[in-house]
Amino acid sequence: MKKINLLYWIITGLFAAFMIFSSYSNLTSSPEALALIGDHLGYPKYIIPFLGAAKILGAIAILIPSFRRIKEWAYAGLCFDLVGAFFSLLKVDGPQPGVFFMLIFIGLLFASYFLWHKKIATA
């Protein structure tokens, strides 16, 4: 139990930190985010701050120990965000090594989700 709990918090903390860090440029509509998401991938620029805010809220939701239903939704939303980003980059850039780097964070998401369920099952 203690090992699962520790591993859950380490992985979830790293994943949440990544999501919060990556959302800052979206939230502020930085030129880099506008160039990548808007120009390169072709998404409308008005969606970029929304994605940043949603990622921050999702990261906060998975860090809060209670509110199981909200946490489920947060995991789902973060999964859609990461899988959508991976798919978009794969379709636009092709199978480049940088595109497959996204699989690390998708893996962290699934590890956090799996460990959360193991944690609540043993509680």
PDB file of N, CA and C in Angstrom:
ATOM      1  N   MET A   1       0.828  -1.204   0.000  1.00  0.00           N
ATOM      2  CA  MET A   1       0.000   0.000   0.000  1.00  0.00           C
ATOM      3  C   MET A   1       0.861   1.251   0.000  1.00  0.00           C
ATOM      4  N   LYS A   2       1.869   1.276   0.878  1.00  0.00           N
ATOM      5  CA  LYS A   2       2.713   2.456   0.985  1.00  0.00           C
ATOM      6  C   LYS A   2       3.521   2.668  -0.300  1.00  0.00           C
ATOM      7  N   LYS A   3       3.982   1.554  -0.892  1.00  0.00           N
ATOM      8  CA  LYS A   3       4.749   1.638  -2.137  1.00  0.00           C
ATOM      9  C   LYS A   3       3.877   2.173  -3.275  1.00  0.00           C
ATOM     10  N   ILE A   4       2.653   1.687  -3.380  1.00  0.00           N
ATOM     11  CA  ILE A   4       1.732   2.151  -4.423  1.00  0.00           C
ATOM     12  C   ILE A   4       1.413   3.628  -4.228  1.00  0.00           C
ATOM     13  N   ASN A   5       1.173   4.015  -2.989  1.00  0.00           N
ATOM     14  CA  ASN A   5       0.854   5.405  -2.681  1.00  0.00           C
ATOM     15  C   ASN A   5       2.013   6.331  -3.056  1.00  0.00           C
ATOM     16  N   LEU A   6       3.236   5.939  -2.692  1.00  0.00           N
ATOM     17  CA  LEU A   6       4.406   6.759  -3.009  1.00  0.00           C
ATOM     18  C   LEU A   6       4.607   6.856  -4.522  1.00  0.00           C
ATOM     19  N   LEU A   7       4.526   5.724  -5.189  1.00  0.00           N
ATOM     20  CA  LEU A   7       4.697   5.709  -6.647  1.00  0.00           C
ATOM     21  C   LEU A   7       3.617   6.534  -7.340  1.00  0.00           C
ATOM     22  N   TYR A   8       2.377   6.423  -6.842  1.00  0.00           N
ATOM     23  CA  TYR A   8       1.282   7.216  -7.410  1.00  0.00           C
ATOM     24  C   TYR A   8       1.585   8.705  -7.315  1.00  0.00           C
ATOM     25  N   TRP A   9       2.004   9.163  -6.136  1.00  0.00           N
ATOM     26  CA  TRP A   9       2.230  10.596  -5.958  1.00  0.00           C
ATOM     27  C   TRP A   9       3.432  11.098  -6.747  1.00  0.00           C
ATOM     28  N   ILE A  10       4.461  10.286  -6.892  1.00  0.00           N
ATOM     29  CA  ILE A  10       5.623  10.695  -7.691  1.00  0.00           C
ATOM     30  C   ILE A  10       5.229  10.842  -9.153  1.00  0.00           C
ATOM     31  N   ILE A  11       4.591   9.813  -9.713  1.00  0.00           N
ATOM     32  CA  ILE A  11       4.207   9.844 -11.126  1.00  0.00           C
ATOM     33  C   ILE A  11       3.162  10.923 -11.387  1.00  0.00           C
ATOM     34  N   THR A  12       2.168  11.023 -10.514  1.00  0.00           N
ATOM     35  CA  THR A  12       1.121  12.021 -10.706  1.00  0.00           C
ATOM     36  C   THR A  12       1.682  13.431 -10.559  1.00  0.00           C
ATOM     37  N   GLY A  13       2.588  13.634  -9.611  1.00  0.00           N
ATOM     38  CA  GLY A  13       3.224  14.943  -9.451  1.00  0.00           C
ATOM     39  C   GLY A  13       4.029  15.346 -10.671  1.00  0.00           C
ATOM     40  N   LEU A  14       4.804  14.416 -11.214  1.00  0.00           N
ATOM     41  CA  LEU A  14       5.577  14.703 -12.434  1.00  0.00           C
ATOM     42  C   LEU A  14       4.655  15.001 -13.608  1.00  0.00           C
ATOM     43  N   PHE A  15       3.615  14.193 -13.745  1.00  0.00           N
ATOM     44  CA  PHE A  15       2.690  14.398 -14.855  1.00  0.00           C
ATOM     45  C   PHE A  15       1.955  15.732 -14.722  1.00  0.00           C
ATOM     46  N   ALA A  16       1.465  16.039 -13.523  1.00  0.00           N
ATOM     47  CA  ALA A  16       0.751  17.302 -13.312  1.00  0.00           C
ATOM     48  C   ALA A  16       1.678  18.493 -13.545  1.00  0.00           C
ATOM     49  N   ALA A  17       2.929  18.375 -13.108  1.00  0.00           N
ATOM     50  CA  ALA A  17       3.888  19.457 -13.337  1.00  0.00           C
ATOM     51  C   ALA A  17       4.108  19.678 -14.836  1.00  0.00           C
ATOM     52  N   PHE A  18       4.225  18.590 -15.590  1.00  0.00           N
ATOM     53  CA  PHE A  18       4.369  18.715 -17.041  1.00  0.00           C
ATOM     54  C   PHE A  18       3.161  19.403 -17.663  1.00  0.00           C
ATOM     55  N   MET A  19       1.970  18.992 -17.250  1.00  0.00           N
ATOM     56  CA  MET A  19       0.759  19.580 -17.829  1.00  0.00           C
ATOM     57  C   MET A  19       0.643  21.070 -17.486  1.00  0.00           C
ATOM     58  N   ILE A  20       0.948  21.425 -16.252  1.00  0.00           N
ATOM     59  CA  ILE A  20       0.878  22.837 -15.852  1.00  0.00           C
ATOM     60  C   ILE A  20       1.947  23.638 -16.586  1.00  0.00           C
ATOM     61  N   PHE A  21       3.168  23.094 -16.658  1.00  0.00           N
ATOM     62  CA  PHE A  21       4.253  23.788 -17.353  1.00  0.00           C
ATOM     63  C   PHE A  21       3.923  23.979 -18.833  1.00  0.00           C
ATOM     64  N   SER A  22       3.378  22.950 -19.469  1.00  0.00           N
ATOM     65  CA  SER A  22       3.073  23.047 -20.899  1.00  0.00           C
ATOM     66  C   SER A  22       1.853  23.918 -21.181  1.00  0.00           C
ATOM     67  N   SER A  23       1.021  24.135 -20.182  1.00  0.00           N
ATOM     68  CA  SER A  23      -0.193  24.927 -20.405  1.00  0.00           C
ATOM     69  C   SER A  23       0.063  26.431 -20.317  1.00  0.00           C
ATOM     70  N   TYR A  24       1.166  26.825 -19.704  1.00  0.00           N
ATOM     71  CA  TYR A  24       1.431  28.248 -19.516  1.00  0.00           C
ATOM     72  C   TYR A  24       1.522  28.983 -20.855  1.00  0.00           C
ATOM     73  N   SER A  25       2.240  28.407 -21.806  1.00  0.00           N
ATOM     74  CA  SER A  25       2.366  29.077 -23.109  1.00  0.00           C
ATOM     75  C   SER A  25       1.031  29.146 -23.839  1.00  0.00           C
ATOM     76  N   ASN A  26       0.186  28.145 -23.637  1.00  0.00           N
ATOM     77  CA  ASN A  26      -1.146  28.182 -24.238  1.00  0.00           C
ATOM     78  C   ASN A  26      -2.011  29.253 -23.585  1.00  0.00           C
ATOM     79  N   LEU A  27      -1.976  29.293 -22.270  1.00  0.00           N
ATOM     80  CA  LEU A  27      -2.813  30.230 -21.518  1.00  0.00           C
ATOM     81  C   LEU A  27      -2.469  31.677 -21.842  1.00  0.00           C
ATOM     82  N   THR A  28      -1.191  31.952 -22.033  1.00  0.00           N
ATOM     83  CA  THR A  28      -0.751  33.317 -22.339  1.00  0.00           C
ATOM     84  C   THR A  28      -0.719  33.605 -23.835  1.00  0.00           C
ATOM     85  N   SER A  29      -1.077  32.610 -24.644  1.00  0.00           N
ATOM     86  CA  SER A  29      -1.023  32.737 -26.111  1.00  0.00           C
ATOM     87  C   SER A  29       0.344  33.235 -26.570  1.00  0.00           C
ATOM     88  N   SER A  30       1.370  32.551 -26.119  1.00  0.00           N
ATOM     89  CA  SER A  30       2.734  32.930 -26.496  1.00  0.00           C
ATOM     90  C   SER A  30       2.925  32.744 -28.003  1.00  0.00           C
ATOM     91  N   PRO A  31       3.869  33.465 -28.578  1.00  0.00           N
ATOM     92  CA  PRO A  31       4.111  33.314 -30.022  1.00  0.00           C
ATOM     93  C   PRO A  31       4.458  31.872 -30.421  1.00  0.00           C
ATOM     94  N   GLU A  32       5.158  31.161 -29.535  1.00  0.00           N
ATOM     95  CA  GLU A  32       5.513  29.771 -29.841  1.00  0.00           C
ATOM     96  C   GLU A  32       4.257  28.883 -29.912  1.00  0.00           C
ATOM     97  N   ALA A  33       3.346  29.078 -28.959  1.00  0.00           N
ATOM     98  CA  ALA A  33       2.109  28.292 -28.963  1.00  0.00           C
ATOM     99  C   ALA A  33       1.251  28.642 -30.177  1.00  0.00           C
ATOM    100  N   LEU A  34       1.177  29.925 -30.496  1.00  0.00           N
ATOM    101  CA  LEU A  34       0.397  30.340 -31.667  1.00  0.00           C
ATOM    102  C   LEU A  34       0.989  29.762 -32.944  1.00  0.00           C
ATOM    103  N   ALA A  35       2.327  29.742 -33.019  1.00  0.00           N
ATOM    104  CA  ALA A  35       2.976  29.212 -34.219  1.00  0.00           C
ATOM    105  C   ALA A  35       2.766  27.705 -34.340  1.00  0.00           C
ATOM    106  N   LEU A  36       2.921  26.979 -33.231  1.00  0.00           N
ATOM    107  CA  LEU A  36       2.793  25.523 -33.289  1.00  0.00           C
ATOM    108  C   LEU A  36       1.347  25.079 -33.466  1.00  0.00           C
ATOM    109  N   ILE A  37       0.489  25.524 -32.568  1.00  0.00           N
ATOM    110  CA  ILE A  37      -0.886  25.029 -32.579  1.00  0.00           C
ATOM    111  C   ILE A  37      -1.722  25.699 -33.664  1.00  0.00           C
ATOM    112  N   GLY A  38      -1.547  26.998 -33.814  1.00  0.00           N
ATOM    113  CA  GLY A  38      -2.350  27.732 -34.787  1.00  0.00           C
ATOM    114  C   GLY A  38      -1.847  27.600 -36.208  1.00  0.00           C
ATOM    115  N   ASP A  39      -0.587  27.970 -36.422  1.00  0.00           N
ATOM    116  CA  ASP A  39      -0.057  27.988 -37.783  1.00  0.00           C
ATOM    117  C   ASP A  39       0.341  26.594 -38.278  1.00  0.00           C
ATOM    118  N   HIS A  40       1.144  25.886 -37.473  1.00  0.00           N
ATOM    119  CA  HIS A  40       1.675  24.598 -37.922  1.00  0.00           C
ATOM    120  C   HIS A  40       0.601  23.504 -37.975  1.00  0.00           C
ATOM    121  N   LEU A  41      -0.169  23.376 -36.892  1.00  0.00           N
ATOM    122  CA  LEU A  41      -1.180  22.313 -36.839  1.00  0.00           C
ATOM    123  C   LEU A  41      -2.522  22.733 -37.436  1.00  0.00           C
ATOM    124  N   GLY A  42      -2.753  24.037 -37.544  1.00  0.00           N
ATOM    125  CA  GLY A  42      -3.956  24.528 -38.196  1.00  0.00           C
ATOM    126  C   GLY A  42      -5.184  24.678 -37.318  1.00  0.00           C
ATOM    127  N   TYR A  43      -5.007  24.645 -36.011  1.00  0.00           N
ATOM    128  CA  TYR A  43      -6.156  24.839 -35.118  1.00  0.00           C
ATOM    129  C   TYR A  43      -6.464  26.325 -34.994  1.00  0.00           C
ATOM    130  N   PRO A  44      -7.723  26.684 -34.730  1.00  0.00           N
ATOM    131  CA  PRO A  44      -8.059  28.099 -34.571  1.00  0.00           C
ATOM    132  C   PRO A  44      -7.353  28.674 -33.337  1.00  0.00           C
ATOM    133  N   LYS A  45      -6.891  29.889 -33.474  1.00  0.00           N
ATOM    134  CA  LYS A  45      -6.095  30.493 -32.394  1.00  0.00           C
ATOM    135  C   LYS A  45      -6.920  30.793 -31.151  1.00  0.00           C
ATOM    136  N   TYR A  46      -8.218  30.913 -31.283  1.00  0.00           N
ATOM    137  CA  TYR A  46      -9.029  31.208 -30.102  1.00  0.00           C
ATOM    138  C   TYR A  46      -9.124  30.006 -29.155  1.00  0.00           C
ATOM    139  N   ILE A  47      -8.806  28.821 -29.620  1.00  0.00           N
ATOM    140  CA  ILE A  47      -8.899  27.629 -28.782  1.00  0.00           C
ATOM    141  C   ILE A  47      -7.671  27.461 -27.894  1.00  0.00           C
ATOM    142  N   ILE A  48      -6.584  28.135 -28.205  1.00  0.00           N
ATOM    143  CA  ILE A  48      -5.320  27.922 -27.499  1.00  0.00           C
ATOM    144  C   ILE A  48      -5.406  28.303 -26.019  1.00  0.00           C
ATOM    145  N   PRO A  49      -5.929  29.486 -25.637  1.00  0.00           N
ATOM    146  CA  PRO A  49      -6.033  29.774 -24.198  1.00  0.00           C
ATOM    147  C   PRO A  49      -6.994  28.839 -23.469  1.00  0.00           C
ATOM    148  N   PHE A  50      -8.052  28.412 -24.144  1.00  0.00           N
ATOM    149  CA  PHE A  50      -8.981  27.460 -23.539  1.00  0.00           C
ATOM    150  C   PHE A  50      -8.275  26.147 -23.211  1.00  0.00           C
ATOM    151  N   LEU A  51      -7.465  25.648 -24.140  1.00  0.00           N
ATOM    152  CA  LEU A  51      -6.724  24.412 -23.890  1.00  0.00           C
ATOM    153  C   LEU A  51      -5.777  24.569 -22.708  1.00  0.00           C
ATOM    154  N   GLY A  52      -5.137  25.728 -22.620  1.00  0.00           N
ATOM    155  CA  GLY A  52      -4.239  25.982 -21.492  1.00  0.00           C
ATOM    156  C   GLY A  52      -4.969  25.974 -20.168  1.00  0.00           C
ATOM    157  N   ALA A  53      -6.118  26.631 -20.105  1.00  0.00           N
ATOM    158  CA  ALA A  53      -6.901  26.658 -18.866  1.00  0.00           C
ATOM    159  C   ALA A  53      -7.420  25.261 -18.521  1.00  0.00           C
ATOM    160  N   ALA A  54      -7.864  24.516 -19.518  1.00  0.00           N
ATOM    161  CA  ALA A  54      -8.383  23.167 -19.278  1.00  0.00           C
ATOM    162  C   ALA A  54      -7.280  22.249 -18.759  1.00  0.00           C
ATOM    163  N   LYS A  55      -6.072  22.380 -19.286  1.00  0.00           N
ATOM    164  CA  LYS A  55      -4.966  21.542 -18.817  1.00  0.00           C
ATOM    165  C   LYS A  55      -4.600  21.871 -17.372  1.00  0.00           C
ATOM    166  N   ILE A  56      -4.615  23.151 -17.020  1.00  0.00           N
ATOM    167  CA  ILE A  56      -4.318  23.528 -15.632  1.00  0.00           C
ATOM    168  C   ILE A  56      -5.388  22.973 -14.692  1.00  0.00           C
ATOM    169  N   LEU A  57      -6.647  23.144 -15.050  1.00  0.00           N
ATOM    170  CA  LEU A  57      -7.732  22.630 -14.205  1.00  0.00           C
ATOM    171  C   LEU A  57      -7.676  21.102 -14.091  1.00  0.00           C
ATOM    172  N   GLY A  58      -7.359  20.431 -15.168  1.00  0.00           N
ATOM    173  CA  GLY A  58      -7.234  18.978 -15.136  1.00  0.00           C
ATOM    174  C   GLY A  58      -6.084  18.517 -14.259  1.00  0.00           C
ATOM    175  N   ALA A  59      -4.959  19.212 -14.344  1.00  0.00           N
ATOM    176  CA  ALA A  59      -3.806  18.864 -13.514  1.00  0.00           C
ATOM    177  C   ALA A  59      -4.115  19.077 -12.036  1.00  0.00           C
ATOM    178  N   ILE A  60      -4.803  20.148 -11.719  1.00  0.00           N
ATOM    179  CA  ILE A  60      -5.192  20.398 -10.327  1.00  0.00           C
ATOM    180  C   ILE A  60      -6.174  19.327  -9.856  1.00  0.00           C
ATOM    181  N   ALA A  61      -7.106  18.948 -10.711  1.00  0.00           N
ATOM    182  CA  ALA A  61      -8.119  17.952 -10.338  1.00  0.00           C
ATOM    183  C   ALA A  61      -7.493  16.597 -10.022  1.00  0.00           C
ATOM    184  N   ILE A  62      -6.462  16.195 -10.758  1.00  0.00           N
ATOM    185  CA  ILE A  62      -5.870  14.888 -10.457  1.00  0.00           C
ATOM    186  C   ILE A  62      -4.997  14.932  -9.214  1.00  0.00           C
ATOM    187  N   LEU A  63      -4.632  16.125  -8.761  1.00  0.00           N
ATOM    188  CA  LEU A  63      -3.843  16.243  -7.532  1.00  0.00           C
ATOM    189  C   LEU A  63      -4.698  16.280  -6.273  1.00  0.00           C
ATOM    190  N   ILE A  64      -5.974  16.604  -6.403  1.00  0.00           N
ATOM    191  CA  ILE A  64      -6.863  16.671  -5.245  1.00  0.00           C
ATOM    192  C   ILE A  64      -7.280  15.245  -4.877  1.00  0.00           C
ATOM    193  N   PRO A  65      -7.045  14.838  -3.622  1.00  0.00           N
ATOM    194  CA  PRO A  65      -7.315  13.443  -3.248  1.00  0.00           C
ATOM    195  C   PRO A  65      -8.788  13.011  -3.324  1.00  0.00           C
ATOM    196  N   SER A  66      -9.719  13.901  -3.144  1.00  0.00           N
ATOM    197  CA  SER A  66     -11.126  13.503  -3.163  1.00  0.00           C
ATOM    198  C   SER A  66     -11.742  13.806  -4.530  1.00  0.00           C
ATOM    199  N   PHE A  67     -13.054  13.847  -4.607  1.00  0.00           N
ATOM    200  CA  PHE A  67     -13.791  14.148  -5.841  1.00  0.00           C
ATOM    201  C   PHE A  67     -13.468  13.144  -6.949  1.00  0.00           C
ATOM    202  N   ARG A  68     -13.804  11.869  -6.709  1.00  0.00           N
ATOM    203  CA  ARG A  68     -13.468  10.799  -7.652  1.00  0.00           C
ATOM    204  C   ARG A  68     -14.044  11.022  -9.044  1.00  0.00           C
ATOM    205  N   ARG A  69     -15.279  11.472  -9.128  1.00  0.00           N
ATOM    206  CA  ARG A  69     -15.901  11.650 -10.447  1.00  0.00           C
ATOM    207  C   ARG A  69     -15.201  12.758 -11.233  1.00  0.00           C
ATOM    208  N   ILE A  70     -14.870  13.852 -10.572  1.00  0.00           N
ATOM    209  CA  ILE A  70     -14.161  14.942 -11.249  1.00  0.00           C
ATOM    210  C   ILE A  70     -12.784  14.472 -11.696  1.00  0.00           C
ATOM    211  N   LYS A  71     -12.138  13.667 -10.870  1.00  0.00           N
ATOM    212  CA  LYS A  71     -10.819  13.136 -11.226  1.00  0.00           C
ATOM    213  C   LYS A  71     -10.912  12.236 -12.459  1.00  0.00           C
ATOM    214  N   GLU A  72     -11.963  11.426 -12.537  1.00  0.00           N
ATOM    215  CA  GLU A  72     -12.163  10.582 -13.728  1.00  0.00           C
ATOM    216  C   GLU A  72     -12.291  11.446 -14.980  1.00  0.00           C
ATOM    217  N   TRP A  73     -13.096  12.491 -14.888  1.00  0.00           N
ATOM    218  CA  TRP A  73     -13.267  13.399 -16.023  1.00  0.00           C
ATOM    219  C   TRP A  73     -11.958  14.100 -16.372  1.00  0.00           C
ATOM    220  N   ALA A  74     -11.206  14.475 -15.360  1.00  0.00           N
ATOM    221  CA  ALA A  74      -9.925  15.151 -15.602  1.00  0.00           C
ATOM    222  C   ALA A  74      -8.961  14.217 -16.327  1.00  0.00           C
ATOM    223  N   TYR A  75      -8.876  12.972 -15.871  1.00  0.00           N
ATOM    224  CA  TYR A  75      -8.013  12.009 -16.562  1.00  0.00           C
ATOM    225  C   TYR A  75      -8.460  11.835 -18.018  1.00  0.00           C
ATOM    226  N   ALA A  76      -9.761  11.753 -18.246  1.00  0.00           N
ATOM    227  CA  ALA A  76     -10.271  11.592 -19.609  1.00  0.00           C
ATOM    228  C   ALA A  76      -9.921  12.802 -20.468  1.00  0.00           C
ATOM    229  N   GLY A  77     -10.128  13.996 -19.934  1.00  0.00           N
ATOM    230  CA  GLY A  77      -9.821  15.206 -20.691  1.00  0.00           C
ATOM    231  C   GLY A  77      -8.344  15.336 -21.007  1.00  0.00           C
ATOM    232  N   LEU A  78      -7.492  15.016 -20.036  1.00  0.00           N
ATOM    233  CA  LEU A  78      -6.050  15.083 -20.285  1.00  0.00           C
ATOM    234  C   LEU A  78      -5.625  14.024 -21.292  1.00  0.00           C
ATOM    235  N   CYS A  79      -6.285  12.884 -21.260  1.00  0.00           N
ATOM    236  CA  CYS A  79      -6.004  11.843 -22.248  1.00  0.00           C
ATOM    237  C   CYS A  79      -6.390  12.317 -23.650  1.00  0.00           C
ATOM    238  N   PHE A  80      -7.572  12.915 -23.786  1.00  0.00           N
ATOM    239  CA  PHE A  80      -7.986  13.438 -25.092  1.00  0.00           C
ATOM    240  C   PHE A  80      -7.004  14.495 -25.582  1.00  0.00           C
ATOM    241  N   ASP A  81      -6.542  15.353 -24.678  1.00  0.00           N
ATOM    242  CA  ASP A  81      -5.595  16.407 -25.053  1.00  0.00           C
ATOM    243  C   ASP A  81      -4.288  15.802 -25.575  1.00  0.00           C
ATOM    244  N   LEU A  82      -3.732  14.859 -24.834  1.00  0.00           N
ATOM    245  CA  LEU A  82      -2.440  14.288 -25.231  1.00  0.00           C
ATOM    246  C   LEU A  82      -2.540  13.401 -26.464  1.00  0.00           C
ATOM    247  N   VAL A  83      -3.561  12.570 -26.525  1.00  0.00           N
ATOM    248  CA  VAL A  83      -3.719  11.703 -27.701  1.00  0.00           C
ATOM    249  C   VAL A  83      -4.037  12.549 -28.935  1.00  0.00           C
ATOM    250  N   GLY A  84      -4.844  13.592 -28.762  1.00  0.00           N
ATOM    251  CA  GLY A  84      -5.129  14.495 -29.875  1.00  0.00           C
ATOM    252  C   GLY A  84      -3.890  15.227 -30.356  1.00  0.00           C
ATOM    253  N   ALA A  85      -3.055  15.665 -29.423  1.00  0.00           N
ATOM    254  CA  ALA A  85      -1.804  16.338 -29.804  1.00  0.00           C
ATOM    255  C   ALA A  85      -0.873  15.368 -30.525  1.00  0.00           C
ATOM    256  N   PHE A  86      -0.775  14.148 -30.016  1.00  0.00           N
ATOM    257  CA  PHE A  86       0.063  13.134 -30.655  1.00  0.00           C
ATOM    258  C   PHE A  86      -0.428  12.841 -32.072  1.00  0.00           C
ATOM    259  N   PHE A  87      -1.720  12.631 -32.219  1.00  0.00           N
ATOM    260  CA  PHE A  87      -2.290  12.326 -33.531  1.00  0.00           C
ATOM    261  C   PHE A  87      -2.089  13.502 -34.499  1.00  0.00           C
ATOM    262  N   SER A  88      -2.319  14.722 -34.017  1.00  0.00           N
ATOM    263  CA  SER A  88      -2.159  15.898 -34.875  1.00  0.00           C
ATOM    264  C   SER A  88      -0.720  16.043 -35.354  1.00  0.00           C
ATOM    265  N   LEU A  89       0.229  15.896 -34.427  1.00  0.00           N
ATOM    266  CA  LEU A  89       1.640  16.002 -34.804  1.00  0.00           C
ATOM    267  C   LEU A  89       2.048  14.874 -35.751  1.00  0.00           C
ATOM    268  N   LEU A  90       1.533  13.683 -35.513  1.00  0.00           N
ATOM    269  CA  LEU A  90       1.860  12.553 -36.375  1.00  0.00           C
ATOM    270  C   LEU A  90       1.332  12.776 -37.791  1.00  0.00           C
ATOM    271  N   LYS A  91       0.112  13.320 -37.912  1.00  0.00           N
ATOM    272  CA  LYS A  91      -0.465  13.557 -39.231  1.00  0.00           C
ATOM    273  C   LYS A  91       0.229  14.701 -39.972  1.00  0.00           C
ATOM    274  N   VAL A  92       0.644  15.732 -39.237  1.00  0.00           N
ATOM    275  CA  VAL A  92       1.258  16.891 -39.891  1.00  0.00           C
ATOM    276  C   VAL A  92       2.742  16.659 -40.163  1.00  0.00           C
ATOM    277  N   ASP A  93       3.469  16.135 -39.172  1.00  0.00           N
ATOM    278  CA  ASP A  93       4.923  15.993 -39.298  1.00  0.00           C
ATOM    279  C   ASP A  93       5.376  14.612 -39.745  1.00  0.00           C
ATOM    280  N   GLY A  94       4.502  13.646 -39.669  1.00  0.00           N
ATOM    281  CA  GLY A  94       4.902  12.286 -39.987  1.00  0.00           C
ATOM    282  C   GLY A  94       5.592  11.637 -38.796  1.00  0.00           C
ATOM    283  N   PRO A  95       6.086  10.435 -38.980  1.00  0.00           N
ATOM    284  CA  PRO A  95       6.695   9.698 -37.863  1.00  0.00           C
ATOM    285  C   PRO A  95       8.096  10.195 -37.507  1.00  0.00           C
ATOM    286  N   GLN A  96       8.175  11.360 -36.934  1.00  0.00           N
ATOM    287  CA  GLN A  96       9.440  11.946 -36.483  1.00  0.00           C
ATOM    288  C   GLN A  96       9.714  11.537 -35.034  1.00  0.00           C
ATOM    289  N   PRO A  97      10.988  11.489 -34.605  1.00  0.00           N
ATOM    290  CA  PRO A  97      11.289  11.123 -33.213  1.00  0.00           C
ATOM    291  C   PRO A  97      10.636  12.061 -32.189  1.00  0.00           C
ATOM    292  N   GLY A  98      10.536  13.340 -32.490  1.00  0.00           N
ATOM    293  CA  GLY A  98       9.916  14.287 -31.567  1.00  0.00           C
ATOM    294  C   GLY A  98       8.443  14.014 -31.343  1.00  0.00           C
ATOM    295  N   VAL A  99       7.792  13.464 -32.343  1.00  0.00           N
ATOM    296  CA  VAL A  99       6.373  13.126 -32.227  1.00  0.00           C
ATOM    297  C   VAL A  99       6.195  11.978 -31.233  1.00  0.00           C
ATOM    298  N   PHE A 100       7.069  10.991 -31.308  1.00  0.00           N
ATOM    299  CA  PHE A 100       6.952   9.823 -30.432  1.00  0.00           C
ATOM    300  C   PHE A 100       7.381  10.127 -29.002  1.00  0.00           C
ATOM    301  N   PHE A 101       8.027  11.265 -28.797  1.00  0.00           N
ATOM    302  CA  PHE A 101       8.367  11.717 -27.444  1.00  0.00           C
ATOM    303  C   PHE A 101       7.101  11.928 -26.618  1.00  0.00           C
ATOM    304  N   MET A 102       6.001  12.272 -27.284  1.00  0.00           N
ATOM    305  CA  MET A 102       4.716  12.480 -26.608  1.00  0.00           C
ATOM    306  C   MET A 102       4.223  11.204 -25.918  1.00  0.00           C
ATOM    307  N   LEU A 103       4.658  10.048 -26.401  1.00  0.00           N
ATOM    308  CA  LEU A 103       4.207   8.788 -25.809  1.00  0.00           C
ATOM    309  C   LEU A 103       4.685   8.632 -24.367  1.00  0.00           C
ATOM    310  N   ILE A 104       5.768   9.290 -24.004  1.00  0.00           N
ATOM    311  CA  ILE A 104       6.241   9.257 -22.619  1.00  0.00           C
ATOM    312  C   ILE A 104       5.182   9.847 -21.702  1.00  0.00           C
ATOM    313  N   PHE A 105       4.625  10.984 -22.087  1.00  0.00           N
ATOM    314  CA  PHE A 105       3.647  11.654 -21.244  1.00  0.00           C
ATOM    315  C   PHE A 105       2.297  10.930 -21.250  1.00  0.00           C
ATOM    316  N   ILE A 106       1.960  10.325 -22.374  1.00  0.00           N
ATOM    317  CA  ILE A 106       0.757   9.493 -22.405  1.00  0.00           C
ATOM    318  C   ILE A 106       0.944   8.295 -21.474  1.00  0.00           C
ATOM    319  N   GLY A 107       2.140   7.741 -21.466  1.00  0.00           N
ATOM    320  CA  GLY A 107       2.453   6.639 -20.547  1.00  0.00           C
ATOM    321  C   GLY A 107       2.371   7.064 -19.092  1.00  0.00           C
ATOM    322  N   LEU A 108       2.870   8.265 -18.771  1.00  0.00           N
ATOM    323  CA  LEU A 108       2.758   8.779 -17.404  1.00  0.00           C
ATOM    324  C   LEU A 108       1.294   8.950 -17.001  1.00  0.00           C
ATOM    325  N   LEU A 109       0.485   9.424 -17.933  1.00  0.00           N
ATOM    326  CA  LEU A 109      -0.943   9.586 -17.658  1.00  0.00           C
ATOM    327  C   LEU A 109      -1.577   8.241 -17.312  1.00  0.00           C
ATOM    328  N   PHE A 110      -1.332   7.222 -18.127  1.00  0.00           N
ATOM    329  CA  PHE A 110      -1.919   5.915 -17.872  1.00  0.00           C
ATOM    330  C   PHE A 110      -1.369   5.284 -16.599  1.00  0.00           C
ATOM    331  N   ALA A 111      -0.074   5.499 -16.305  1.00  0.00           N
ATOM    332  CA  ALA A 111       0.496   4.976 -15.061  1.00  0.00           C
ATOM    333  C   ALA A 111      -0.158   5.637 -13.855  1.00  0.00           C
ATOM    334  N   SER A 112      -0.358   6.945 -13.919  1.00  0.00           N
ATOM    335  CA  SER A 112      -1.008   7.665 -12.823  1.00  0.00           C
ATOM    336  C   SER A 112      -2.434   7.167 -12.629  1.00  0.00           C
ATOM    337  N   TYR A 113      -3.149   6.996 -13.710  1.00  0.00           N
ATOM    338  CA  TYR A 113      -4.541   6.525 -13.638  1.00  0.00           C
ATOM    339  C   TYR A 113      -4.612   5.118 -13.059  1.00  0.00           C
ATOM    340  N   PHE A 114      -3.752   4.240 -13.532  1.00  0.00           N
ATOM    341  CA  PHE A 114      -3.722   2.858 -13.055  1.00  0.00           C
ATOM    342  C   PHE A 114      -3.391   2.814 -11.563  1.00  0.00           C
ATOM    343  N   LEU A 115      -2.369   3.574 -11.146  1.00  0.00           N
ATOM    344  CA  LEU A 115      -1.970   3.582  -9.744  1.00  0.00           C
ATOM    345  C   LEU A 115      -3.046   4.216  -8.864  1.00  0.00           C
ATOM    346  N   TRP A 116      -3.769   5.202  -9.380  1.00  0.00           N
ATOM    347  CA  TRP A 116      -4.839   5.808  -8.603  1.00  0.00           C
ATOM    348  C   TRP A 116      -5.912   4.767  -8.293  1.00  0.00           C
ATOM    349  N   HIS A 117      -6.255   3.970  -9.318  1.00  0.00           N
ATOM    350  CA  HIS A 117      -7.268   2.935  -9.099  1.00  0.00           C
ATOM    351  C   HIS A 117      -6.764   1.850  -8.140  1.00  0.00           C
ATOM    352  N   LYS A 118      -5.485   1.502  -8.218  1.00  0.00           N
ATOM    353  CA  LYS A 118      -4.934   0.534  -7.269  1.00  0.00           C
ATOM    354  C   LYS A 118      -4.937   1.114  -5.863  1.00  0.00           C
ATOM    355  N   LYS A 119      -4.655   2.405  -5.761  1.00  0.00           N
ATOM    356  CA  LYS A 119      -4.623   3.088  -4.462  1.00  0.00           C
ATOM    357  C   LYS A 119      -5.994   3.113  -3.815  1.00  0.00           C
ATOM    358  N   ILE A 120      -7.030   3.441  -4.576  1.00  0.00           N
ATOM    359  CA  ILE A 120      -8.361   3.513  -3.971  1.00  0.00           C
ATOM    360  C   ILE A 120      -8.946   2.117  -3.728  1.00  0.00           C
ATOM    361  N   ALA A 121      -8.483   1.117  -4.459  1.00  0.00           N
ATOM    362  CA  ALA A 121      -8.969  -0.241  -4.241  1.00  0.00           C
ATOM    363  C   ALA A 121      -8.419  -0.836  -2.938  1.00  0.00           C
ATOM    364  N   THR A 122      -7.215  -0.415  -2.559  1.00  0.00           N
ATOM    365  CA  THR A 122      -6.611  -0.937  -1.332  1.00  0.00           C
ATOM    366  C   THR A 122      -6.930  -0.070  -0.120  1.00  0.00           C
ATOM    367  N   ALA A 123      -7.581   1.060  -0.329  1.00  0.00           N
ATOM    368  CA  ALA A 123      -7.875   1.959   0.799  1.00  0.00           C
ATOM    369  C   ALA A 123      -9.058   1.514   1.618  1.00  0.00           C
TER     370      ALA A 123
END
